[in-house]
């Protein structure tokens, strides 16, 4: 296991190499301190694995609703129930995996 001091030295070394290669690091978007949890690309990454954020899941659900409404219009009496369990349908997609 690395110590915090060693990890900081490795980050500094990497940043120096990237700078020499002509790369520019956006420090506002960067996580340069060692951490056991990182939020990146709509997911939280840690030693136990990757978990999608609520915001990312909400955005995916909204996109699925828009596609459904646009491509498969509902009748006047039908409504979308976002709390329903779509994974139990016979569709070829596993929505639990998607969302």
PDB file of N, CA and C in Angstrom:
ATOM      1  N   UNK A   1       0.857  -1.180   0.000  1.00  0.00           N
ATOM      2  CA  UNK A   1       0.000   0.000   0.000  1.00  0.00           C
ATOM      3  C   UNK A   1       0.899   1.238   0.000  1.00  0.00           C
ATOM      4  N   UNK A   2       0.499   2.244  -0.762  1.00  0.00           N
ATOM      5  CA  UNK A   2       1.266   3.475  -0.850  1.00  0.00           C
ATOM      6  C   UNK A   2       0.902   4.423   0.284  1.00  0.00           C
ATOM      7  N   UNK A   3       1.867   5.213   0.697  1.00  0.00           N
ATOM      8  CA  UNK A   3       1.587   6.258   1.676  1.00  0.00           C
ATOM      9  C   UNK A   3       1.088   7.499   0.932  1.00  0.00           C
ATOM     10  N   UNK A   4       0.450   8.388   1.657  1.00  0.00           N
ATOM     11  CA  UNK A   4      -0.035   9.639   1.068  1.00  0.00           C
ATOM     12  C   UNK A   4       1.136  10.423   0.473  1.00  0.00           C
ATOM     13  N   UNK A   5       2.242  10.446   1.179  1.00  0.00           N
ATOM     14  CA  UNK A   5       3.419  11.177   0.712  1.00  0.00           C
ATOM     15  C   UNK A   5       3.913  10.608  -0.621  1.00  0.00           C
ATOM     16  N   UNK A   6       3.966   9.288  -0.717  1.00  0.00           N
ATOM     17  CA  UNK A   6       4.418   8.631  -1.947  1.00  0.00           C
ATOM     18  C   UNK A   6       3.434   8.902  -3.094  1.00  0.00           C
ATOM     19  N   UNK A   7       2.132   8.838  -2.821  1.00  0.00           N
ATOM     20  CA  UNK A   7       1.134   9.104  -3.853  1.00  0.00           C
ATOM     21  C   UNK A   7       1.220  10.544  -4.360  1.00  0.00           C
ATOM     22  N   UNK A   8       1.429  11.493  -3.451  1.00  0.00           N
ATOM     23  CA  UNK A   8       1.572  12.893  -3.862  1.00  0.00           C
ATOM     24  C   UNK A   8       2.798  13.072  -4.754  1.00  0.00           C
ATOM     25  N   UNK A   9       3.884  12.383  -4.418  1.00  0.00           N
ATOM     26  CA  UNK A   9       5.097  12.454  -5.237  1.00  0.00           C
ATOM     27  C   UNK A   9       4.843  11.868  -6.631  1.00  0.00           C
ATOM     28  N   UNK A  10       4.091  10.775  -6.709  1.00  0.00           N
ATOM     29  CA  UNK A  10       3.766  10.169  -7.999  1.00  0.00           C
ATOM     30  C   UNK A  10       2.884  11.090  -8.842  1.00  0.00           C
ATOM     31  N   UNK A  11       1.929  11.765  -8.207  1.00  0.00           N
ATOM     32  CA  UNK A  11       1.067  12.713  -8.925  1.00  0.00           C
ATOM     33  C   UNK A  11       1.906  13.864  -9.468  1.00  0.00           C
ATOM     34  N   UNK A  12       2.815  14.392  -8.653  1.00  0.00           N
ATOM     35  CA  UNK A  12       3.678  15.489  -9.101  1.00  0.00           C
ATOM     36  C   UNK A  12       4.540  15.042 -10.275  1.00  0.00           C
ATOM     37  N   UNK A  13       5.097  13.849 -10.191  1.00  0.00           N
ATOM     38  CA  UNK A  13       5.922  13.315 -11.276  1.00  0.00           C
ATOM     39  C   UNK A  13       5.097  13.172 -12.569  1.00  0.00           C
ATOM     40  N   UNK A  14       3.897  12.670 -12.450  1.00  0.00           N
ATOM     41  CA  UNK A  14       3.024  12.518 -13.614  1.00  0.00           C
ATOM     42  C   UNK A  14       2.677  13.874 -14.224  1.00  0.00           C
ATOM     43  N   UNK A  15       2.339  14.847 -13.378  1.00  0.00           N
ATOM     44  CA  UNK A  15       2.020  16.187 -13.880  1.00  0.00           C
ATOM     45  C   UNK A  15       3.210  16.810 -14.604  1.00  0.00           C
ATOM     46  N   UNK A  16       4.411  16.615 -14.055  1.00  0.00           N
ATOM     47  CA  UNK A  16       5.622  17.132 -14.704  1.00  0.00           C
ATOM     48  C   UNK A  16       5.818  16.493 -16.079  1.00  0.00           C
ATOM     49  N   UNK A  17       5.620  15.184 -16.171  1.00  0.00           N
ATOM     50  CA  UNK A  17       5.782  14.486 -17.456  1.00  0.00           C
ATOM     51  C   UNK A  17       4.744  14.955 -18.469  1.00  0.00           C
ATOM     52  N   UNK A  18       3.506  15.132 -18.032  1.00  0.00           N
ATOM     53  CA  UNK A  18       2.461  15.607 -18.939  1.00  0.00           C
ATOM     54  C   UNK A  18       2.761  17.024 -19.432  1.00  0.00           C
ATOM     55  N   UNK A  19       3.257  17.876 -18.528  1.00  0.00           N
ATOM     56  CA  UNK A  19       3.597  19.247 -18.905  1.00  0.00           C
ATOM     57  C   UNK A  19       4.728  19.255 -19.931  1.00  0.00           C
ATOM     58  N   UNK A  20       5.756  18.418 -19.712  1.00  0.00           N
ATOM     59  CA  UNK A  20       6.867  18.331 -20.665  1.00  0.00           C
ATOM     60  C   UNK A  20       6.397  17.801 -22.024  1.00  0.00           C
ATOM     61  N   UNK A  21       5.341  17.001 -22.022  1.00  0.00           N
ATOM     62  CA  UNK A  21       4.804  16.453 -23.270  1.00  0.00           C
ATOM     63  C   UNK A  21       3.881  17.450 -23.971  1.00  0.00           C
ATOM     64  N   UNK A  22       3.668  18.623 -23.348  1.00  0.00           N
ATOM     65  CA  UNK A  22       2.852  19.651 -23.971  1.00  0.00           C
ATOM     66  C   UNK A  22       1.392  19.653 -23.552  1.00  0.00           C
ATOM     67  N   UNK A  23       1.044  18.850 -22.588  1.00  0.00           N
ATOM     68  CA  UNK A  23      -0.345  18.788 -22.126  1.00  0.00           C
ATOM     69  C   UNK A  23      -0.603  19.923 -21.143  1.00  0.00           C
ATOM     70  N   UNK A  24      -1.831  20.384 -21.104  1.00  0.00           N
ATOM     71  CA  UNK A  24      -2.271  21.380 -20.130  1.00  0.00           C
ATOM     72  C   UNK A  24      -3.295  20.725 -19.216  1.00  0.00           C
ATOM     73  N   UNK A  25      -3.077  20.816 -17.932  1.00  0.00           N
ATOM     74  CA  UNK A  25      -3.970  20.209 -16.948  1.00  0.00           C
ATOM     75  C   UNK A  25      -4.955  21.263 -16.449  1.00  0.00           C
ATOM     76  N   UNK A  26      -6.243  20.969 -16.534  1.00  0.00           N
ATOM     77  CA  UNK A  26      -7.271  21.849 -15.977  1.00  0.00           C
ATOM     78  C   UNK A  26      -7.395  21.500 -14.493  1.00  0.00           C
ATOM     79  N   UNK A  27      -6.750  22.272 -13.658  1.00  0.00           N
ATOM     80  CA  UNK A  27      -6.708  21.967 -12.224  1.00  0.00           C
ATOM     81  C   UNK A  27      -8.070  22.112 -11.552  1.00  0.00           C
ATOM     82  N   UNK A  28      -8.972  22.920 -12.126  1.00  0.00           N
ATOM     83  CA  UNK A  28     -10.315  23.057 -11.545  1.00  0.00           C
ATOM     84  C   UNK A  28     -11.105  21.759 -11.672  1.00  0.00           C
ATOM     85  N   UNK A  29     -10.850  21.007 -12.731  1.00  0.00           N
ATOM     86  CA  UNK A  29     -11.573  19.754 -12.945  1.00  0.00           C
ATOM     87  C   UNK A  29     -10.792  18.540 -12.438  1.00  0.00           C
ATOM     88  N   UNK A  30      -9.580  18.757 -11.992  1.00  0.00           N
ATOM     89  CA  UNK A  30      -8.711  17.644 -11.609  1.00  0.00           C
ATOM     90  C   UNK A  30      -8.821  17.308 -10.130  1.00  0.00           C
ATOM     91  N   UNK A  31      -8.634  16.044  -9.828  1.00  0.00           N
ATOM     92  CA  UNK A  31      -8.516  15.584  -8.442  1.00  0.00           C
ATOM     93  C   UNK A  31      -7.068  15.144  -8.291  1.00  0.00           C
ATOM     94  N   UNK A  32      -6.273  15.993  -7.671  1.00  0.00           N
ATOM     95  CA  UNK A  32      -4.842  15.731  -7.586  1.00  0.00           C
ATOM     96  C   UNK A  32      -4.415  15.168  -6.242  1.00  0.00           C
ATOM     97  N   UNK A  33      -5.322  15.181  -5.273  1.00  0.00           N
ATOM     98  CA  UNK A  33      -5.003  14.613  -3.968  1.00  0.00           C
ATOM     99  C   UNK A  33      -5.473  13.161  -3.941  1.00  0.00           C
ATOM    100  N   UNK A  34      -4.699  12.280  -3.352  1.00  0.00           N
ATOM    101  CA  UNK A  34      -5.132  10.880  -3.252  1.00  0.00           C
ATOM    102  C   UNK A  34      -6.469  10.775  -2.521  1.00  0.00           C
ATOM    103  N   UNK A  35      -7.346   9.961  -3.051  1.00  0.00           N
ATOM    104  CA  UNK A  35      -8.677   9.811  -2.485  1.00  0.00           C
ATOM    105  C   UNK A  35      -9.142   8.377  -2.672  1.00  0.00           C
ATOM    106  N   UNK A  36      -9.966   7.906  -1.751  1.00  0.00           N
ATOM    107  CA  UNK A  36     -10.498   6.547  -1.888  1.00  0.00           C
ATOM    108  C   UNK A  36     -11.816   6.552  -2.654  1.00  0.00           C
ATOM    109  N   UNK A  37     -12.329   7.752  -2.994  1.00  0.00           N
ATOM    110  CA  UNK A  37     -13.594   7.864  -3.733  1.00  0.00           C
ATOM    111  C   UNK A  37     -13.478   9.017  -4.727  1.00  0.00           C
ATOM    112  N   UNK A  38     -13.930   8.757  -5.952  1.00  0.00           N
ATOM    113  CA  UNK A  38     -13.821   9.752  -7.003  1.00  0.00           C
ATOM    114  C   UNK A  38     -15.104   9.787  -7.813  1.00  0.00           C
ATOM    115  N   UNK A  39     -15.657  10.985  -8.008  1.00  0.00           N
ATOM    116  CA  UNK A  39     -16.807  11.158  -8.885  1.00  0.00           C
ATOM    117  C   UNK A  39     -16.310  11.526 -10.270  1.00  0.00           C
ATOM    118  N   UNK A  40     -16.690  10.723 -11.283  1.00  0.00           N
ATOM    119  CA  UNK A  40     -16.176  10.939 -12.630  1.00  0.00           C
ATOM    120  C   UNK A  40     -17.151  10.364 -13.637  1.00  0.00           C
ATOM    121  N   UNK A  41     -17.506  11.144 -14.644  1.00  0.00           N
ATOM    122  CA  UNK A  41     -18.378  10.701 -15.736  1.00  0.00           C
ATOM    123  C   UNK A  41     -19.711  10.153 -15.244  1.00  0.00           C
ATOM    124  N   UNK A  42     -20.311  10.830 -14.274  1.00  0.00           N
ATOM    125  CA  UNK A  42     -21.629  10.427 -13.796  1.00  0.00           C
ATOM    126  C   UNK A  42     -21.629   9.191 -12.922  1.00  0.00           C
ATOM    127  N   UNK A  43     -20.472   8.862 -12.361  1.00  0.00           N
ATOM    128  CA  UNK A  43     -20.382   7.680 -11.503  1.00  0.00           C
ATOM    129  C   UNK A  43     -19.445   7.966 -10.340  1.00  0.00           C
ATOM    130  N   UNK A  44     -19.652   7.241  -9.255  1.00  0.00           N
ATOM    131  CA  UNK A  44     -18.750   7.296  -8.109  1.00  0.00           C
ATOM    132  C   UNK A  44     -17.901   6.034  -8.129  1.00  0.00           C
ATOM    133  N   UNK A  45     -16.604   6.241  -8.161  1.00  0.00           N
ATOM    134  CA  UNK A  45     -15.639   5.147  -8.238  1.00  0.00           C
ATOM    135  C   UNK A  45     -14.953   5.025  -6.882  1.00  0.00           C
ATOM    136  N   UNK A  46     -14.892   3.815  -6.340  1.00  0.00           N
ATOM    137  CA  UNK A  46     -14.163   3.589  -5.094  1.00  0.00           C
ATOM    138  C   UNK A  46     -13.621   2.166  -5.084  1.00  0.00           C
ATOM    139  N   UNK A  47     -13.055   1.772  -3.943  1.00  0.00           N
ATOM    140  CA  UNK A  47     -12.427   0.450  -3.866  1.00  0.00           C
ATOM    141  C   UNK A  47     -13.429  -0.693  -3.994  1.00  0.00           C
ATOM    142  N   UNK A  48     -14.703  -0.412  -3.817  1.00  0.00           N
ATOM    143  CA  UNK A  48     -15.725  -1.453  -3.931  1.00  0.00           C
ATOM    144  C   UNK A  48     -16.282  -1.571  -5.341  1.00  0.00           C
ATOM    145  N   UNK A  49     -16.032  -0.581  -6.191  1.00  0.00           N
ATOM    146  CA  UNK A  49     -16.526  -0.639  -7.557  1.00  0.00           C
ATOM    147  C   UNK A  49     -17.004   0.712  -8.046  1.00  0.00           C
ATOM    148  N   UNK A  50     -17.965   0.672  -8.981  1.00  0.00           N
ATOM    149  CA  UNK A  50     -18.491   1.874  -9.616  1.00  0.00           C
ATOM    150  C   UNK A  50     -20.000   1.909  -9.433  1.00  0.00           C
ATOM    151  N   UNK A  51     -20.510   3.080  -9.050  1.00  0.00           N
ATOM    152  CA  UNK A  51     -21.947   3.248  -8.868  1.00  0.00           C
ATOM    153  C   UNK A  51     -22.376   4.538  -9.561  1.00  0.00           C
ATOM    154  N   UNK A  52     -23.404   4.447 -10.393  1.00  0.00           N
ATOM    155  CA  UNK A  52     -23.909   5.617 -11.109  1.00  0.00           C
ATOM    156  C   UNK A  52     -24.514   6.603 -10.111  1.00  0.00           C
ATOM    157  N   UNK A  53     -24.312   7.899 -10.364  1.00  0.00           N
ATOM    158  CA  UNK A  53     -24.894   8.925  -9.497  1.00  0.00           C
ATOM    159  C   UNK A  53     -26.392   9.045  -9.763  1.00  0.00           C
ATOM    160  N   UNK A  54     -27.115   9.605  -8.795  1.00  0.00           N
ATOM    161  CA  UNK A  54     -28.555   9.819  -8.960  1.00  0.00           C
ATOM    162  C   UNK A  54     -28.813  10.753 -10.133  1.00  0.00           C
ATOM    163  N   UNK A  55     -27.981  11.772 -10.290  1.00  0.00           N
ATOM    164  CA  UNK A  55     -28.154  12.715 -11.390  1.00  0.00           C
ATOM    165  C   UNK A  55     -28.024  12.019 -12.738  1.00  0.00           C
ATOM    166  N   UNK A  56     -27.047  11.122 -12.870  1.00  0.00           N
ATOM    167  CA  UNK A  56     -26.874  10.395 -14.131  1.00  0.00           C
ATOM    168  C   UNK A  56     -28.061   9.473 -14.390  1.00  0.00           C
ATOM    169  N   UNK A  57     -28.531   8.777 -13.353  1.00  0.00           N
ATOM    170  CA  UNK A  57     -29.694   7.897 -13.514  1.00  0.00           C
ATOM    171  C   UNK A  57     -30.930   8.692 -13.906  1.00  0.00           C
ATOM    172  N   UNK A  58     -31.142   9.844 -13.263  1.00  0.00           N
ATOM    173  CA  UNK A  58     -32.290  10.692 -13.601  1.00  0.00           C
ATOM    174  C   UNK A  58     -32.219  11.154 -15.057  1.00  0.00           C
ATOM    175  N   UNK A  59     -31.026  11.526 -15.502  1.00  0.00           N
ATOM    176  CA  UNK A  59     -30.860  11.981 -16.886  1.00  0.00           C
ATOM    177  C   UNK A  59     -31.152  10.851 -17.869  1.00  0.00           C
ATOM    178  N   UNK A  60     -30.728   9.642 -17.546  1.00  0.00           N
ATOM    179  CA  UNK A  60     -30.995   8.491 -18.414  1.00  0.00           C
ATOM    180  C   UNK A  60     -32.486   8.213 -18.476  1.00  0.00           C
ATOM    181  N   UNK A  61     -33.151   8.228 -17.313  1.00  0.00           N
ATOM    182  CA  UNK A  61     -34.602   8.006 -17.294  1.00  0.00           C
ATOM    183  C   UNK A  61     -35.315   9.068 -18.121  1.00  0.00           C
ATOM    184  N   UNK A  62     -34.909  10.321 -17.987  1.00  0.00           N
ATOM    185  CA  UNK A  62     -35.540  11.400 -18.749  1.00  0.00           C
ATOM    186  C   UNK A  62     -35.352  11.176 -20.245  1.00  0.00           C
ATOM    187  N   UNK A  63     -34.168  10.780 -20.637  1.00  0.00           N
ATOM    188  CA  UNK A  63     -33.901  10.502 -22.046  1.00  0.00           C
ATOM    189  C   UNK A  63     -34.763   9.346 -22.552  1.00  0.00           C
ATOM    190  N   UNK A  64     -34.881   8.296 -21.755  1.00  0.00           N
ATOM    191  CA  UNK A  64     -35.718   7.159 -22.145  1.00  0.00           C
ATOM    192  C   UNK A  64     -37.179   7.572 -22.292  1.00  0.00           C
ATOM    193  N   UNK A  65     -37.648   8.429 -21.393  1.00  0.00           N
ATOM    194  CA  UNK A  65     -39.032   8.911 -21.482  1.00  0.00           C
ATOM    195  C   UNK A  65     -39.242   9.725 -22.757  1.00  0.00           C
ATOM    196  N   UNK A  66     -38.287  10.599 -23.072  1.00  0.00           N
ATOM    197  CA  UNK A  66     -38.414  11.431 -24.264  1.00  0.00           C
ATOM    198  C   UNK A  66     -38.414  10.589 -25.532  1.00  0.00           C
ATOM    199  N   UNK A  67     -37.551   9.610 -25.590  1.00  0.00           N
ATOM    200  CA  UNK A  67     -37.504   8.728 -26.756  1.00  0.00           C
ATOM    201  C   UNK A  67     -38.816   7.972 -26.868  1.00  0.00           C
ATOM    202  N   UNK A  68     -39.321   7.469 -25.748  1.00  0.00           N
ATOM    203  CA  UNK A  68     -40.578   6.727 -25.752  1.00  0.00           C
ATOM    204  C   UNK A  68     -41.726   7.616 -26.208  1.00  0.00           C
ATOM    205  N   UNK A  69     -41.814   8.824 -25.685  1.00  0.00           N
ATOM    206  CA  UNK A  69     -42.902   9.729 -26.040  1.00  0.00           C
ATOM    207  C   UNK A  69     -42.826  10.154 -27.503  1.00  0.00           C
ATOM    208  N   UNK A  70     -41.645  10.374 -27.991  1.00  0.00           N
ATOM    209  CA  UNK A  70     -41.468  10.832 -29.358  1.00  0.00           C
ATOM    210  C   UNK A  70     -41.710   9.700 -30.361  1.00  0.00           C
ATOM    211  N   UNK A  71     -41.113   8.558 -30.095  1.00  0.00           N
ATOM    212  CA  UNK A  71     -41.168   7.449 -31.042  1.00  0.00           C
ATOM    213  C   UNK A  71     -42.408   6.577 -30.890  1.00  0.00           C
ATOM    214  N   UNK A  72     -42.972   6.537 -29.699  1.00  0.00           N
ATOM    215  CA  UNK A  72     -44.134   5.698 -29.424  1.00  0.00           C
ATOM    216  C   UNK A  72     -45.143   6.514 -28.623  1.00  0.00           C
ATOM    217  N   UNK A  73     -45.864   7.414 -29.275  1.00  0.00           N
ATOM    218  CA  UNK A  73     -46.787   8.295 -28.550  1.00  0.00           C
ATOM    219  C   UNK A  73     -47.827   7.509 -27.753  1.00  0.00           C
ATOM    220  N   UNK A  74     -48.168   8.032 -26.594  1.00  0.00           N
ATOM    221  CA  UNK A  74     -49.162   7.401 -25.734  1.00  0.00           C
ATOM    222  C   UNK A  74     -50.554   7.876 -26.120  1.00  0.00           C
ATOM    223  N   UNK A  75     -51.532   7.046 -25.822  1.00  0.00           N
ATOM    224  CA  UNK A  75     -52.925   7.452 -26.003  1.00  0.00           C
ATOM    225  C   UNK A  75     -53.254   8.486 -24.930  1.00  0.00           C
ATOM    226  N   UNK A  76     -54.333   9.216 -25.082  1.00  0.00           N
ATOM    227  CA  UNK A  76     -54.693  10.274 -24.135  1.00  0.00           C
ATOM    228  C   UNK A  76     -54.829   9.769 -22.707  1.00  0.00           C
ATOM    229  N   UNK A  77     -55.354   8.566 -22.523  1.00  0.00           N
ATOM    230  CA  UNK A  77     -55.613   8.051 -21.177  1.00  0.00           C
ATOM    231  C   UNK A  77     -54.380   7.425 -20.529  1.00  0.00           C
ATOM    232  N   UNK A  78     -53.313   7.231 -21.285  1.00  0.00           N
ATOM    233  CA  UNK A  78     -52.124   6.581 -20.744  1.00  0.00           C
ATOM    234  C   UNK A  78     -51.188   7.618 -20.127  1.00  0.00           C
ATOM    235  N   UNK A  79     -50.468   7.189 -19.107  1.00  0.00           N
ATOM    236  CA  UNK A  79     -49.473   8.040 -18.462  1.00  0.00           C
ATOM    237  C   UNK A  79     -48.206   7.230 -18.268  1.00  0.00           C
ATOM    238  N   UNK A  80     -47.113   7.928 -18.098  1.00  0.00           N
ATOM    239  CA  UNK A  80     -45.856   7.260 -17.787  1.00  0.00           C
ATOM    240  C   UNK A  80     -45.719   7.205 -16.282  1.00  0.00           C
ATOM    241  N   UNK A  81     -45.482   6.031 -15.766  1.00  0.00           N
ATOM    242  CA  UNK A  81     -45.262   5.843 -14.335  1.00  0.00           C
ATOM    243  C   UNK A  81     -43.787   5.536 -14.136  1.00  0.00           C
ATOM    244  N   UNK A  82     -43.014   6.549 -13.743  1.00  0.00           N
ATOM    245  CA  UNK A  82     -41.569   6.363 -13.604  1.00  0.00           C
ATOM    246  C   UNK A  82     -41.208   5.455 -12.440  1.00  0.00           C
ATOM    247  N   UNK A  83     -42.168   5.173 -11.552  1.00  0.00           N
ATOM    248  CA  UNK A  83     -41.865   4.295 -10.424  1.00  0.00           C
ATOM    249  C   UNK A  83     -42.116   2.831 -10.762  1.00  0.00           C
ATOM    250  N   UNK A  84     -42.709   2.557 -11.929  1.00  0.00           N
ATOM    251  CA  UNK A  84     -42.997   1.162 -12.275  1.00  0.00           C
ATOM    252  C   UNK A  84     -41.711   0.414 -12.562  1.00  0.00           C
ATOM    253  N   UNK A  85     -41.748  -0.881 -12.350  1.00  0.00           N
ATOM    254  CA  UNK A  85     -40.580  -1.726 -12.555  1.00  0.00           C
ATOM    255  C   UNK A  85     -40.578  -2.217 -13.996  1.00  0.00           C
ATOM    256  N   UNK A  86     -39.849  -1.506 -14.856  1.00  0.00           N
ATOM    257  CA  UNK A  86     -39.804  -1.858 -16.269  1.00  0.00           C
ATOM    258  C   UNK A  86     -38.970  -3.100 -16.530  1.00  0.00           C
ATOM    259  N   UNK A  87     -38.164  -3.503 -15.556  1.00  0.00           N
ATOM    260  CA  UNK A  87     -37.282  -4.644 -15.776  1.00  0.00           C
ATOM    261  C   UNK A  87     -38.041  -5.954 -15.849  1.00  0.00           C
ATOM    262  N   UNK A  88     -39.296  -5.986 -15.421  1.00  0.00           N
ATOM    263  CA  UNK A  88     -40.046  -7.233 -15.441  1.00  0.00           C
ATOM    264  C   UNK A  88     -40.748  -7.465 -16.776  1.00  0.00           C
ATOM    265  N   UNK A  89     -40.646  -6.515 -17.704  1.00  0.00           N
ATOM    266  CA  UNK A  89     -41.297  -6.691 -18.998  1.00  0.00           C
ATOM    267  C   UNK A  89     -40.514  -7.685 -19.845  1.00  0.00           C
ATOM    268  N   UNK A  90     -41.109  -8.063 -20.966  1.00  0.00           N
ATOM    269  CA  UNK A  90     -40.474  -9.029 -21.852  1.00  0.00           C
ATOM    270  C   UNK A  90     -39.606  -8.363 -22.903  1.00  0.00           C
ATOM    271  N   UNK A  91     -39.284  -7.098 -22.728  1.00  0.00           N
ATOM    272  CA  UNK A  91     -38.443  -6.402 -23.696  1.00  0.00           C
ATOM    273  C   UNK A  91     -37.077  -7.060 -23.765  1.00  0.00           C
ATOM    274  N   UNK A  92     -36.388  -6.848 -24.884  1.00  0.00           N
ATOM    275  CA  UNK A  92     -35.080  -7.457 -25.057  1.00  0.00           C
ATOM    276  C   UNK A  92     -33.989  -6.725 -24.279  1.00  0.00           C
ATOM    277  N   UNK A  93     -34.287  -5.526 -23.731  1.00  0.00           N
ATOM    278  CA  UNK A  93     -33.299  -4.759 -22.996  1.00  0.00           C
ATOM    279  C   UNK A  93     -33.470  -4.962 -21.500  1.00  0.00           C
ATOM    280  N   UNK A  94     -32.364  -4.976 -20.796  1.00  0.00           N
ATOM    281  CA  UNK A  94     -32.385  -5.070 -19.343  1.00  0.00           C
ATOM    282  C   UNK A  94     -32.255  -3.656 -18.796  1.00  0.00           C
ATOM    283  N   UNK A  95     -33.389  -3.029 -18.439  1.00  0.00           N
ATOM    284  CA  UNK A  95     -33.368  -1.638 -17.996  1.00  0.00           C
ATOM    285  C   UNK A  95     -32.723  -1.469 -16.634  1.00  0.00           C
ATOM    286  N   UNK A  96     -32.649  -2.522 -15.824  1.00  0.00           N
ATOM    287  CA  UNK A  96     -31.921  -2.413 -14.562  1.00  0.00           C
ATOM    288  C   UNK A  96     -30.451  -2.153 -14.847  1.00  0.00           C
ATOM    289  N   UNK A  97     -29.941  -2.753 -15.912  1.00  0.00           N
ATOM    290  CA  UNK A  97     -28.552  -2.523 -16.287  1.00  0.00           C
ATOM    291  C   UNK A  97     -28.369  -1.093 -16.792  1.00  0.00           C
ATOM    292  N   UNK A  98     -29.311  -0.601 -17.584  1.00  0.00           N
ATOM    293  CA  UNK A  98     -29.210   0.734 -18.162  1.00  0.00           C
ATOM    294  C   UNK A  98     -29.352   1.800 -17.093  1.00  0.00           C
ATOM    295  N   UNK A  99     -30.263   1.623 -16.169  1.00  0.00           N
ATOM    296  CA  UNK A  99     -30.543   2.651 -15.173  1.00  0.00           C
ATOM    297  C   UNK A  99     -30.290   2.120 -13.802  1.00  0.00           C
TER     298      UNK A  99
END
